Amino acid sequence: MTDQVTAPINDWLKSEVGSNDVVLFMKGTPQFPQCGFSSTVVQVLDYLGVPFASHNVLESDELRSGIKDFSNWPTVPQLYVKGEFVGGCDIIREMFEAGELRDLFANKGVQVNAA
């Protein structure tokens, strides 16, 4: 892929993660996840009551490869909070179970359900 091809997707990705408090790049949609990992992250976010934007990487090869290059992370789903890459399914699940994800949202000013 040349820089001319990756520049537009990188610009779009920067805009998306910069203009949404919480963004999930996933396989499928929150209503119909297409993999167990994406489903797990959606369930965690729903449980916490966190509103989030989502993008289905299965709809575009450019998005699917672009998000991996953008984050330098090889897998999907990928969660961003206030412009910062947080991680994939395993990291999100571990942070949730340890109470760290709720703290991250609180520290970033993202509203979550009461504990």
PDB file of N, CA and C in Angstrom:
ATOM      1  N   MET A   1       0.840  -1.178   0.000  1.00  0.00           N
ATOM      2  CA  MET A   1       0.000   0.000   0.000  1.00  0.00           C
ATOM      3  C   MET A   1       0.888   1.246   0.000  1.00  0.00           C
ATOM      4  N   THR A   2       0.581   2.197  -0.818  1.00  0.00           N
ATOM      5  CA  THR A   2       1.381   3.422  -0.866  1.00  0.00           C
ATOM      6  C   THR A   2       0.834   4.430   0.127  1.00  0.00           C
ATOM      7  N   ASP A   3       1.629   5.463   0.398  1.00  0.00           N
ATOM      8  CA  ASP A   3       1.187   6.511   1.303  1.00  0.00           C
ATOM      9  C   ASP A   3      -0.063   7.214   0.768  1.00  0.00           C
ATOM     10  N   GLN A   4      -0.184   7.307  -0.554  1.00  0.00           N
ATOM     11  CA  GLN A   4      -1.359   7.956  -1.133  1.00  0.00           C
ATOM     12  C   GLN A   4      -2.634   7.171  -0.824  1.00  0.00           C
ATOM     13  N   VAL A   5      -2.517   5.870  -0.747  1.00  0.00           N
ATOM     14  CA  VAL A   5      -3.681   5.045  -0.440  1.00  0.00           C
ATOM     15  C   VAL A   5      -3.990   5.105   1.054  1.00  0.00           C
ATOM     16  N   THR A   6      -2.967   5.066   1.907  1.00  0.00           N
ATOM     17  CA  THR A   6      -3.202   5.030   3.338  1.00  0.00           C
ATOM     18  C   THR A   6      -3.525   6.399   3.920  1.00  0.00           C
ATOM     19  N   ALA A   7      -3.098   7.466   3.290  1.00  0.00           N
ATOM     20  CA  ALA A   7      -3.339   8.807   3.850  1.00  0.00           C
ATOM     21  C   ALA A   7      -4.823   9.097   4.059  1.00  0.00           C
ATOM     22  N   PRO A   8      -5.699   8.856   3.070  1.00  0.00           N
ATOM     23  CA  PRO A   8      -7.119   9.163   3.310  1.00  0.00           C
ATOM     24  C   PRO A   8      -7.720   8.354   4.463  1.00  0.00           C
ATOM     25  N   ILE A   9      -7.401   7.068   4.555  1.00  0.00           N
ATOM     26  CA  ILE A   9      -7.979   6.273   5.642  1.00  0.00           C
ATOM     27  C   ILE A   9      -7.400   6.718   6.975  1.00  0.00           C
ATOM     28  N   ASN A  10      -6.114   7.033   7.026  1.00  0.00           N
ATOM     29  CA  ASN A  10      -5.525   7.515   8.275  1.00  0.00           C
ATOM     30  C   ASN A  10      -6.157   8.836   8.711  1.00  0.00           C
ATOM     31  N   ASP A  11      -6.385   9.717   7.762  1.00  0.00           N
ATOM     32  CA  ASP A  11      -7.038  10.996   8.085  1.00  0.00           C
ATOM     33  C   ASP A  11      -8.448  10.748   8.630  1.00  0.00           C
ATOM     34  N   TRP A  12      -9.173   9.847   7.991  1.00  0.00           N
ATOM     35  CA  TRP A  12     -10.526   9.530   8.444  1.00  0.00           C
ATOM     36  C   TRP A  12     -10.496   8.914   9.837  1.00  0.00           C
ATOM     37  N   LEU A  13      -9.566   7.980  10.074  1.00  0.00           N
ATOM     38  CA  LEU A  13      -9.452   7.340  11.380  1.00  0.00           C
ATOM     39  C   LEU A  13      -9.108   8.362  12.461  1.00  0.00           C
ATOM     40  N   LYS A  14      -8.173   9.257  12.186  1.00  0.00           N
ATOM     41  CA  LYS A  14      -7.830  10.316  13.149  1.00  0.00           C
ATOM     42  C   LYS A  14      -9.059  11.146  13.481  1.00  0.00           C
ATOM     43  N   SER A  15      -9.843  11.464  12.472  1.00  0.00           N
ATOM     44  CA  SER A  15     -11.058  12.244  12.679  1.00  0.00           C
ATOM     45  C   SER A  15     -12.065  11.484  13.535  1.00  0.00           C
ATOM     46  N   GLU A  16     -12.258  10.218  13.252  1.00  0.00           N
ATOM     47  CA  GLU A  16     -13.223   9.407  13.999  1.00  0.00           C
ATOM     48  C   GLU A  16     -12.837   9.254  15.465  1.00  0.00           C
ATOM     49  N   VAL A  17     -11.587   8.891  15.730  1.00  0.00           N
ATOM     50  CA  VAL A  17     -11.189   8.687  17.123  1.00  0.00           C
ATOM     51  C   VAL A  17     -11.059  10.013  17.860  1.00  0.00           C
ATOM     52  N   GLY A  18     -10.848  11.097  17.120  1.00  0.00           N
ATOM     53  CA  GLY A  18     -10.741  12.405  17.744  1.00  0.00           C
ATOM     54  C   GLY A  18     -12.073  13.072  18.018  1.00  0.00           C
ATOM     55  N   SER A  19     -13.100  12.709  17.265  1.00  0.00           N
ATOM     56  CA  SER A  19     -14.382  13.400  17.398  1.00  0.00           C
ATOM     57  C   SER A  19     -15.434  12.603  18.167  1.00  0.00           C
ATOM     58  N   ASN A  20     -15.100  11.389  18.584  1.00  0.00           N
ATOM     59  CA  ASN A  20     -16.009  10.562  19.383  1.00  0.00           C
ATOM     60  C   ASN A  20     -15.327  10.197  20.695  1.00  0.00           C
ATOM     61  N   ASP A  21     -16.057  10.302  21.802  1.00  0.00           N
ATOM     62  CA  ASP A  21     -15.469   9.957  23.095  1.00  0.00           C
ATOM     63  C   ASP A  21     -15.044   8.493  23.149  1.00  0.00           C
ATOM     64  N   VAL A  22     -15.886   7.612  22.622  1.00  0.00           N
ATOM     65  CA  VAL A  22     -15.600   6.177  22.646  1.00  0.00           C
ATOM     66  C   VAL A  22     -15.923   5.617  21.261  1.00  0.00           C
ATOM     67  N   VAL A  23     -14.943   4.935  20.669  1.00  0.00           N
ATOM     68  CA  VAL A  23     -15.117   4.352  19.339  1.00  0.00           C
ATOM     69  C   VAL A  23     -14.643   2.907  19.361  1.00  0.00           C
ATOM     70  N   LEU A  24     -15.468   2.031  18.813  1.00  0.00           N
ATOM     71  CA  LEU A  24     -15.123   0.615  18.707  1.00  0.00           C
ATOM     72  C   LEU A  24     -15.074   0.225  17.237  1.00  0.00           C
ATOM     73  N   PHE A  25     -13.923  -0.257  16.810  1.00  0.00           N
ATOM     74  CA  PHE A  25     -13.782  -0.842  15.489  1.00  0.00           C
ATOM     75  C   PHE A  25     -13.926  -2.339  15.699  1.00  0.00           C
ATOM     76  N   MET A  26     -14.906  -2.928  15.032  1.00  0.00           N
ATOM     77  CA  MET A  26     -15.298  -4.299  15.332  1.00  0.00           C
ATOM     78  C   MET A  26     -15.698  -5.050  14.077  1.00  0.00           C
ATOM     79  N   LYS A  27     -15.868  -6.355  14.225  1.00  0.00           N
ATOM     80  CA  LYS A  27     -16.422  -7.176  13.156  1.00  0.00           C
ATOM     81  C   LYS A  27     -17.916  -7.276  13.410  1.00  0.00           C
ATOM     82  N   GLY A  28     -18.687  -6.709  12.491  1.00  0.00           N
ATOM     83  CA  GLY A  28     -20.132  -6.671  12.636  1.00  0.00           C
ATOM     84  C   GLY A  28     -20.576  -5.356  13.252  1.00  0.00           C
ATOM     85  N   THR A  29     -21.770  -5.392  13.817  1.00  0.00           N
ATOM     86  CA  THR A  29     -22.355  -4.205  14.443  1.00  0.00           C
ATOM     87  C   THR A  29     -22.680  -4.532  15.896  1.00  0.00           C
ATOM     88  N   PRO A  30     -22.910  -3.511  16.731  1.00  0.00           N
ATOM     89  CA  PRO A  30     -23.279  -3.807  18.118  1.00  0.00           C
ATOM     90  C   PRO A  30     -24.531  -4.681  18.214  1.00  0.00           C
ATOM     91  N   GLN A  31     -25.464  -4.519  17.287  1.00  0.00           N
ATOM     92  CA  GLN A  31     -26.682  -5.317  17.292  1.00  0.00           C
ATOM     93  C   GLN A  31     -26.460  -6.732  16.757  1.00  0.00           C
ATOM     94  N   PHE A  32     -25.425  -6.900  15.931  1.00  0.00           N
ATOM     95  CA  PHE A  32     -25.146  -8.194  15.325  1.00  0.00           C
ATOM     96  C   PHE A  32     -23.639  -8.384  15.153  1.00  0.00           C
ATOM     97  N   PRO A  33     -22.926  -8.607  16.262  1.00  0.00           N
ATOM     98  CA  PRO A  33     -21.478  -8.828  16.176  1.00  0.00           C
ATOM     99  C   PRO A  33     -21.179 -10.077  15.347  1.00  0.00           C
ATOM    100  N   GLN A  34     -20.097 -10.014  14.589  1.00  0.00           N
ATOM    101  CA  GLN A  34     -19.730 -11.123  13.713  1.00  0.00           C
ATOM    102  C   GLN A  34     -18.586 -11.970  14.261  1.00  0.00           C
ATOM    103  N   CYS A  35     -18.158 -11.699  15.492  1.00  0.00           N
ATOM    104  CA  CYS A  35     -17.175 -12.570  16.141  1.00  0.00           C
ATOM    105  C   CYS A  35     -17.345 -12.456  17.649  1.00  0.00           C
ATOM    106  N   GLY A  36     -16.914 -13.476  18.353  1.00  0.00           N
ATOM    107  CA  GLY A  36     -17.065 -13.506  19.805  1.00  0.00           C
ATOM    108  C   GLY A  36     -16.302 -12.409  20.513  1.00  0.00           C
ATOM    109  N   PHE A  37     -15.136 -12.039  19.978  1.00  0.00           N
ATOM    110  CA  PHE A  37     -14.337 -10.993  20.607  1.00  0.00           C
ATOM    111  C   PHE A  37     -15.046  -9.645  20.539  1.00  0.00           C
ATOM    112  N   SER A  38     -15.587  -9.335  19.360  1.00  0.00           N
ATOM    113  CA  SER A  38     -16.339  -8.091  19.206  1.00  0.00           C
ATOM    114  C   SER A  38     -17.572  -8.110  20.106  1.00  0.00           C
ATOM    115  N   SER A  39     -18.241  -9.243  20.177  1.00  0.00           N
ATOM    116  CA  SER A  39     -19.421  -9.373  21.020  1.00  0.00           C
ATOM    117  C   SER A  39     -19.083  -9.117  22.484  1.00  0.00           C
ATOM    118  N   THR A  40     -17.965  -9.640  22.945  1.00  0.00           N
ATOM    119  CA  THR A  40     -17.549  -9.451  24.335  1.00  0.00           C
ATOM    120  C   THR A  40     -17.346  -7.979  24.653  1.00  0.00           C
ATOM    121  N   VAL A  41     -16.664  -7.251  23.780  1.00  0.00           N
ATOM    122  CA  VAL A  41     -16.412  -5.828  24.032  1.00  0.00           C
ATOM    123  C   VAL A  41     -17.725  -5.047  24.030  1.00  0.00           C
ATOM    124  N   VAL A  42     -18.618  -5.362  23.106  1.00  0.00           N
ATOM    125  CA  VAL A  42     -19.931  -4.703  23.084  1.00  0.00           C
ATOM    126  C   VAL A  42     -20.679  -4.975  24.388  1.00  0.00           C
ATOM    127  N   GLN A  43     -20.652  -6.212  24.862  1.00  0.00           N
ATOM    128  CA  GLN A  43     -21.335  -6.554  26.114  1.00  0.00           C
ATOM    129  C   GLN A  43     -20.770  -5.771  27.294  1.00  0.00           C
ATOM    130  N   VAL A  44     -19.459  -5.608  27.350  1.00  0.00           N
ATOM    131  CA  VAL A  44     -18.823  -4.840  28.426  1.00  0.00           C
ATOM    132  C   VAL A  44     -19.271  -3.382  28.360  1.00  0.00           C
ATOM    133  N   LEU A  45     -19.219  -2.797  27.168  1.00  0.00           N
ATOM    134  CA  LEU A  45     -19.616  -1.390  27.028  1.00  0.00           C
ATOM    135  C   LEU A  45     -21.092  -1.202  27.352  1.00  0.00           C
ATOM    136  N   ASP A  46     -21.926  -2.131  26.904  1.00  0.00           N
ATOM    137  CA  ASP A  46     -23.355  -2.061  27.220  1.00  0.00           C
ATOM    138  C   ASP A  46     -23.591  -2.197  28.722  1.00  0.00           C
ATOM    139  N   TYR A  47     -22.900  -3.110  29.366  1.00  0.00           N
ATOM    140  CA  TYR A  47     -23.039  -3.305  30.808  1.00  0.00           C
ATOM    141  C   TYR A  47     -22.682  -2.022  31.561  1.00  0.00           C
ATOM    142  N   LEU A  48     -21.618  -1.367  31.112  1.00  0.00           N
ATOM    143  CA  LEU A  48     -21.194  -0.117  31.752  1.00  0.00           C
ATOM    144  C   LEU A  48     -22.066   1.076  31.347  1.00  0.00           C
ATOM    145  N   GLY A  49     -22.907   0.878  30.333  1.00  0.00           N
ATOM    146  CA  GLY A  49     -23.785   1.950  29.883  1.00  0.00           C
ATOM    147  C   GLY A  49     -23.049   3.061  29.155  1.00  0.00           C
ATOM    148  N   VAL A  50     -21.960   2.703  28.508  1.00  0.00           N
ATOM    149  CA  VAL A  50     -21.140   3.687  27.808  1.00  0.00           C
ATOM    150  C   VAL A  50     -21.638   3.836  26.372  1.00  0.00           C
ATOM    151  N   PRO A  51     -22.046   5.041  25.992  1.00  0.00           N
ATOM    152  CA  PRO A  51     -22.406   5.247  24.590  1.00  0.00           C
ATOM    153  C   PRO A  51     -21.135   5.224  23.740  1.00  0.00           C
ATOM    154  N   PHE A  52     -21.233   4.605  22.569  1.00  0.00           N
ATOM    155  CA  PHE A  52     -20.040   4.512  21.722  1.00  0.00           C
ATOM    156  C   PHE A  52     -20.422   4.496  20.253  1.00  0.00           C
ATOM    157  N   ALA A  53     -19.498   5.020  19.448  1.00  0.00           N
ATOM    158  CA  ALA A  53     -19.612   4.902  18.004  1.00  0.00           C
ATOM    159  C   ALA A  53     -18.966   3.581  17.619  1.00  0.00           C
ATOM    160  N   SER A  54     -19.431   2.980  16.548  1.00  0.00           N
ATOM    161  CA  SER A  54     -18.824   1.725  16.105  1.00  0.00           C
ATOM    162  C   SER A  54     -18.691   1.730  14.589  1.00  0.00           C
ATOM    163  N   HIS A  55     -17.719   0.950  14.136  1.00  0.00           N
ATOM    164  CA  HIS A  55     -17.480   0.802  12.699  1.00  0.00           C
ATOM    165  C   HIS A  55     -17.203  -0.662  12.406  1.00  0.00           C
ATOM    166  N   ASN A  56     -17.896  -1.189  11.416  1.00  0.00           N
ATOM    167  CA  ASN A  56     -17.780  -2.578  11.013  1.00  0.00           C
ATOM    168  C   ASN A  56     -16.635  -2.714  10.003  1.00  0.00           C
ATOM    169  N   VAL A  57     -15.523  -3.313  10.437  1.00  0.00           N
ATOM    170  CA  VAL A  57     -14.369  -3.447   9.557  1.00  0.00           C
ATOM    171  C   VAL A  57     -14.603  -4.454   8.431  1.00  0.00           C
ATOM    172  N   LEU A  58     -15.658  -5.267   8.542  1.00  0.00           N
ATOM    173  CA  LEU A  58     -15.951  -6.232   7.488  1.00  0.00           C
ATOM    174  C   LEU A  58     -16.541  -5.579   6.244  1.00  0.00           C
ATOM    175  N   GLU A  59     -16.940  -4.327   6.376  1.00  0.00           N
ATOM    176  CA  GLU A  59     -17.540  -3.627   5.234  1.00  0.00           C
ATOM    177  C   GLU A  59     -16.505  -3.043   4.290  1.00  0.00           C
ATOM    178  N   SER A  60     -15.227  -3.003   4.715  1.00  0.00           N
ATOM    179  CA  SER A  60     -14.210  -2.376   3.890  1.00  0.00           C
ATOM    180  C   SER A  60     -12.835  -2.967   4.176  1.00  0.00           C
ATOM    181  N   ASP A  61     -12.206  -3.496   3.126  1.00  0.00           N
ATOM    182  CA  ASP A  61     -10.838  -3.998   3.271  1.00  0.00           C
ATOM    183  C   ASP A  61      -9.896  -2.870   3.672  1.00  0.00           C
ATOM    184  N   GLU A  62     -10.153  -1.683   3.128  1.00  0.00           N
ATOM    185  CA  GLU A  62      -9.311  -0.531   3.443  1.00  0.00           C
ATOM    186  C   GLU A  62      -9.409  -0.187   4.932  1.00  0.00           C
ATOM    187  N   LEU A  63     -10.611  -0.228   5.494  1.00  0.00           N
ATOM    188  CA  LEU A  63     -10.786   0.032   6.916  1.00  0.00           C
ATOM    189  C   LEU A  63     -10.166  -1.085   7.752  1.00  0.00           C
ATOM    190  N   ARG A  64     -10.390  -2.334   7.361  1.00  0.00           N
ATOM    191  CA  ARG A  64      -9.873  -3.471   8.125  1.00  0.00           C
ATOM    192  C   ARG A  64      -8.354  -3.428   8.220  1.00  0.00           C
ATOM    193  N   SER A  65      -7.675  -3.156   7.123  1.00  0.00           N
ATOM    194  CA  SER A  65      -6.206  -3.082   7.174  1.00  0.00           C
ATOM    195  C   SER A  65      -5.751  -1.736   7.718  1.00  0.00           C
ATOM    196  N   GLY A  66      -6.493  -0.686   7.423  1.00  0.00           N
ATOM    197  CA  GLY A  66      -6.114   0.655   7.865  1.00  0.00           C
ATOM    198  C   GLY A  66      -6.111   0.813   9.368  1.00  0.00           C
ATOM    199  N   ILE A  67      -7.098   0.228  10.047  1.00  0.00           N
ATOM    200  CA  ILE A  67      -7.169   0.369  11.504  1.00  0.00           C
ATOM    201  C   ILE A  67      -6.013  -0.382  12.162  1.00  0.00           C
ATOM    202  N   LYS A  68      -5.606  -1.486  11.581  1.00  0.00           N
ATOM    203  CA  LYS A  68      -4.477  -2.243  12.135  1.00  0.00           C
ATOM    204  C   LYS A  68      -3.175  -1.465  11.991  1.00  0.00           C
ATOM    205  N   ASP A  69      -3.004  -0.792  10.854  1.00  0.00           N
ATOM    206  CA  ASP A  69      -1.824   0.051  10.650  1.00  0.00           C
ATOM    207  C   ASP A  69      -1.871   1.275  11.551  1.00  0.00           C
ATOM    208  N   PHE A  70      -3.048   1.865  11.664  1.00  0.00           N
ATOM    209  CA  PHE A  70      -3.240   3.086  12.454  1.00  0.00           C
ATOM    210  C   PHE A  70      -2.835   2.879  13.911  1.00  0.00           C
ATOM    211  N   SER A  71      -3.246   1.748  14.474  1.00  0.00           N
ATOM    212  CA  SER A  71      -2.987   1.471  15.893  1.00  0.00           C
ATOM    213  C   SER A  71      -1.707   0.673  16.117  1.00  0.00           C
ATOM    214  N   ASN A  72      -1.177   0.099  15.034  1.00  0.00           N
ATOM    215  CA  ASN A  72      -0.061  -0.836  15.142  1.00  0.00           C
ATOM    216  C   ASN A  72      -0.456  -2.014  16.042  1.00  0.00           C
ATOM    217  N   TRP A  73      -1.712  -2.441  15.888  1.00  0.00           N
ATOM    218  CA  TRP A  73      -2.278  -3.554  16.650  1.00  0.00           C
ATOM    219  C   TRP A  73      -2.856  -4.533  15.635  1.00  0.00           C
ATOM    220  N   PRO A  74      -2.517  -5.826  15.706  1.00  0.00           N
ATOM    221  CA  PRO A  74      -2.839  -6.743  14.606  1.00  0.00           C
ATOM    222  C   PRO A  74      -4.263  -7.279  14.560  1.00  0.00           C
ATOM    223  N   THR A  75      -5.061  -7.031  15.593  1.00  0.00           N
ATOM    224  CA  THR A  75      -6.382  -7.668  15.629  1.00  0.00           C
ATOM    225  C   THR A  75      -7.498  -6.652  15.834  1.00  0.00           C
ATOM    226  N   VAL A  76      -8.706  -7.119  15.570  1.00  0.00           N
ATOM    227  CA  VAL A  76      -9.942  -6.379  15.786  1.00  0.00           C
ATOM    228  C   VAL A  76     -10.777  -7.252  16.693  1.00  0.00           C
ATOM    229  N   PRO A  77     -11.482  -6.703  17.673  1.00  0.00           N
ATOM    230  CA  PRO A  77     -11.875  -5.310  17.848  1.00  0.00           C
ATOM    231  C   PRO A  77     -10.765  -4.443  18.452  1.00  0.00           C
ATOM    232  N   GLN A  78     -10.962  -3.137  18.277  1.00  0.00           N
ATOM    233  CA  GLN A  78     -10.077  -2.142  18.860  1.00  0.00           C
ATOM    234  C   GLN A  78     -10.940  -1.044  19.471  1.00  0.00           C
ATOM    235  N   LEU A  79     -10.618  -0.690  20.717  1.00  0.00           N
ATOM    236  CA  LEU A  79     -11.380   0.328  21.430  1.00  0.00           C
ATOM    237  C   LEU A  79     -10.523   1.570  21.647  1.00  0.00           C
ATOM    238  N   TYR A  80     -11.114   2.715  21.338  1.00  0.00           N
ATOM    239  CA  TYR A  80     -10.475   4.019  21.547  1.00  0.00           C
ATOM    240  C   TYR A  80     -11.329   4.823  22.512  1.00  0.00           C
ATOM    241  N   VAL A  81     -10.681   5.480  23.455  1.00  0.00           N
ATOM    242  CA  VAL A  81     -11.371   6.347  24.414  1.00  0.00           C
ATOM    243  C   VAL A  81     -10.684   7.707  24.398  1.00  0.00           C
ATOM    244  N   LYS A  82     -11.463   8.739  24.068  1.00  0.00           N
ATOM    245  CA  LYS A  82     -10.952  10.111  24.010  1.00  0.00           C
ATOM    246  C   LYS A  82      -9.677  10.190  23.163  1.00  0.00           C
ATOM    247  N   GLY A  83      -9.711   9.525  22.002  1.00  0.00           N
ATOM    248  CA  GLY A  83      -8.609   9.575  21.058  1.00  0.00           C
ATOM    249  C   GLY A  83      -7.461   8.637  21.350  1.00  0.00           C
ATOM    250  N   GLU A  84      -7.528   7.891  22.444  1.00  0.00           N
ATOM    251  CA  GLU A  84      -6.436   7.013  22.845  1.00  0.00           C
ATOM    252  C   GLU A  84      -6.808   5.548  22.615  1.00  0.00           C
ATOM    253  N   PHE A  85      -5.906   4.804  21.975  1.00  0.00           N
ATOM    254  CA  PHE A  85      -6.120   3.379  21.788  1.00  0.00           C
ATOM    255  C   PHE A  85      -5.983   2.675  23.129  1.00  0.00           C
ATOM    256  N   VAL A  86      -7.022   1.934  23.527  1.00  0.00           N
ATOM    257  CA  VAL A  86      -7.009   1.232  24.806  1.00  0.00           C
ATOM    258  C   VAL A  86      -6.588  -0.218  24.613  1.00  0.00           C
ATOM    259  N   GLY A  87      -7.155  -0.910  23.633  1.00  0.00           N
ATOM    260  CA  GLY A  87      -6.768  -2.292  23.393  1.00  0.00           C
ATOM    261  C   GLY A  87      -7.854  -3.086  22.704  1.00  0.00           C
ATOM    262  N   GLY A  88      -7.605  -4.385  22.642  1.00  0.00           N
ATOM    263  CA  GLY A  88      -8.541  -5.323  22.047  1.00  0.00           C
ATOM    264  C   GLY A  88      -9.330  -6.048  23.113  1.00  0.00           C
ATOM    265  N   CYS A  89      -9.946  -7.134  22.727  1.00  0.00           N
ATOM    266  CA  CYS A  89     -10.874  -7.856  23.600  1.00  0.00           C
ATOM    267  C   CYS A  89     -10.241  -8.298  24.914  1.00  0.00           C
ATOM    268  N   ASP A  90      -9.087  -8.951  24.854  1.00  0.00           N
ATOM    269  CA  ASP A  90      -8.479  -9.476  26.085  1.00  0.00           C
ATOM    270  C   ASP A  90      -8.145  -8.354  27.061  1.00  0.00           C
ATOM    271  N   ILE A  91      -7.590  -7.270  26.547  1.00  0.00           N
ATOM    272  CA  ILE A  91      -7.233  -6.138  27.413  1.00  0.00           C
ATOM    273  C   ILE A  91      -8.494  -5.514  28.006  1.00  0.00           C
ATOM    274  N   ILE A  92      -9.510  -5.310  27.182  1.00  0.00           N
ATOM    275  CA  ILE A  92     -10.765  -4.707  27.663  1.00  0.00           C
ATOM    276  C   ILE A  92     -11.400  -5.600  28.726  1.00  0.00           C
ATOM    277  N   ARG A  93     -11.432  -6.903  28.475  1.00  0.00           N
ATOM    278  CA  ARG A  93     -12.025  -7.830  29.447  1.00  0.00           C
ATOM    279  C   ARG A  93     -11.248  -7.807  30.766  1.00  0.00           C
ATOM    280  N   GLU A  94      -9.929  -7.848  30.686  1.00  0.00           N
ATOM    281  CA  GLU A  94      -9.103  -7.825  31.903  1.00  0.00           C
ATOM    282  C   GLU A  94      -9.279  -6.516  32.670  1.00  0.00           C
ATOM    283  N   MET A  95      -9.304  -5.397  31.950  1.00  0.00           N
ATOM    284  CA  MET A  95      -9.500  -4.100  32.606  1.00  0.00           C
ATOM    285  C   MET A  95     -10.876  -4.029  33.267  1.00  0.00           C
ATOM    286  N   PHE A  96     -11.889  -4.567  32.592  1.00  0.00           N
ATOM    287  CA  PHE A  96     -13.242  -4.577  33.132  1.00  0.00           C
ATOM    288  C   PHE A  96     -13.301  -5.404  34.413  1.00  0.00           C
ATOM    289  N   GLU A  97     -12.736  -6.607  34.372  1.00  0.00           N
ATOM    290  CA  GLU A  97     -12.786  -7.500  35.530  1.00  0.00           C
ATOM    291  C   GLU A  97     -12.026  -6.923  36.727  1.00  0.00           C
ATOM    292  N   ALA A  98     -10.977  -6.143  36.462  1.00  0.00           N
ATOM    293  CA  ALA A  98     -10.176  -5.543  37.540  1.00  0.00           C
ATOM    294  C   ALA A  98     -10.742  -4.198  38.007  1.00  0.00           C
ATOM    295  N   GLY A  99     -11.799  -3.716  37.342  1.00  0.00           N
ATOM    296  CA  GLY A  99     -12.363  -2.412  37.690  1.00  0.00           C
ATOM    297  C   GLY A  99     -11.617  -1.243  37.065  1.00  0.00           C
ATOM    298  N   GLU A 100     -10.597  -1.539  36.287  1.00  0.00           N
ATOM    299  CA  GLU A 100      -9.770  -0.492  35.689  1.00  0.00           C
ATOM    300  C   GLU A 100     -10.473   0.215  34.524  1.00  0.00           C
ATOM    301  N   LEU A 101     -11.337  -0.484  33.818  1.00  0.00           N
ATOM    302  CA  LEU A 101     -12.014   0.129  32.673  1.00  0.00           C
ATOM    303  C   LEU A 101     -12.977   1.212  33.145  1.00  0.00           C
ATOM    304  N   ARG A 102     -13.737   0.922  34.196  1.00  0.00           N
ATOM    305  CA  ARG A 102     -14.640   1.922  34.772  1.00  0.00           C
ATOM    306  C   ARG A 102     -13.840   3.157  35.208  1.00  0.00           C
ATOM    307  N   ASP A 103     -12.677   2.912  35.840  1.00  0.00           N
ATOM    308  CA  ASP A 103     -11.815   4.013  36.278  1.00  0.00           C
ATOM    309  C   ASP A 103     -11.294   4.821  35.089  1.00  0.00           C
ATOM    310  N   LEU A 104     -10.913   4.125  34.020  1.00  0.00           N
ATOM    311  CA  LEU A 104     -10.431   4.818  32.821  1.00  0.00           C
ATOM    312  C   LEU A 104     -11.506   5.751  32.279  1.00  0.00           C
ATOM    313  N   PHE A 105     -12.725   5.231  32.149  1.00  0.00           N
ATOM    314  CA  PHE A 105     -13.820   6.063  31.654  1.00  0.00           C
ATOM    315  C   PHE A 105     -14.043   7.263  32.573  1.00  0.00           C
ATOM    316  N   ALA A 106     -14.057   7.026  33.872  1.00  0.00           N
ATOM    317  CA  ALA A 106     -14.270   8.113  34.827  1.00  0.00           C
ATOM    318  C   ALA A 106     -13.162   9.161  34.716  1.00  0.00           C
ATOM    319  N   ASN A 107     -11.922   8.713  34.617  1.00  0.00           N
ATOM    320  CA  ASN A 107     -10.788   9.641  34.521  1.00  0.00           C
ATOM    321  C   ASN A 107     -10.799  10.439  33.227  1.00  0.00           C
ATOM    322  N   LYS A 108     -11.389   9.864  32.190  1.00  0.00           N
ATOM    323  CA  LYS A 108     -11.478  10.541  30.894  1.00  0.00           C
ATOM    324  C   LYS A 108     -12.754  11.368  30.758  1.00  0.00           C
ATOM    325  N   GLY A 109     -13.607  11.326  31.790  1.00  0.00           N
ATOM    326  CA  GLY A 109     -14.844  12.104  31.753  1.00  0.00           C
ATOM    327  C   GLY A 109     -15.956  11.458  30.960  1.00  0.00           C
ATOM    328  N   VAL A 110     -15.904  10.138  30.788  1.00  0.00           N
ATOM    329  CA  VAL A 110     -16.951   9.399  30.074  1.00  0.00           C
ATOM    330  C   VAL A 110     -17.897   8.811  31.117  1.00  0.00           C
ATOM    331  N   GLN A 111     -19.176   9.134  30.982  1.00  0.00           N
ATOM    332  CA  GLN A 111     -20.203   8.687  31.927  1.00  0.00           C
ATOM    333  C   GLN A 111     -20.424   7.179  31.812  1.00  0.00           C
ATOM    334  N   VAL A 112     -20.481   6.515  32.983  1.00  0.00           N
ATOM    335  CA  VAL A 112     -20.817   5.089  33.034  1.00  0.00           C
ATOM    336  C   VAL A 112     -21.960   4.895  34.021  1.00  0.00           C
ATOM    337  N   ASN A 113     -22.606   3.718  33.956  1.00  0.00           N
ATOM    338  CA  ASN A 113     -23.651   3.389  34.918  1.00  0.00           C
ATOM    339  C   ASN A 113     -23.061   3.337  36.323  1.00  0.00           C
ATOM    340  N   ALA A 114     -23.887   3.597  37.316  1.00  0.00           N
ATOM    341  CA  ALA A 114     -23.446   3.481  38.709  1.00  0.00           C
ATOM    342  C   ALA A 114     -23.093   2.038  39.010  1.00  0.00           C
ATOM    343  N   ALA A 115     -22.111   1.854  39.866  1.00  0.00           N
ATOM    344  CA  ALA A 115     -21.642   0.497  40.205  1.00  0.00           C
ATOM    345  C   ALA A 115     -22.685  -0.264  40.989  1.00  0.00           C
TER     346      ALA A 115
END
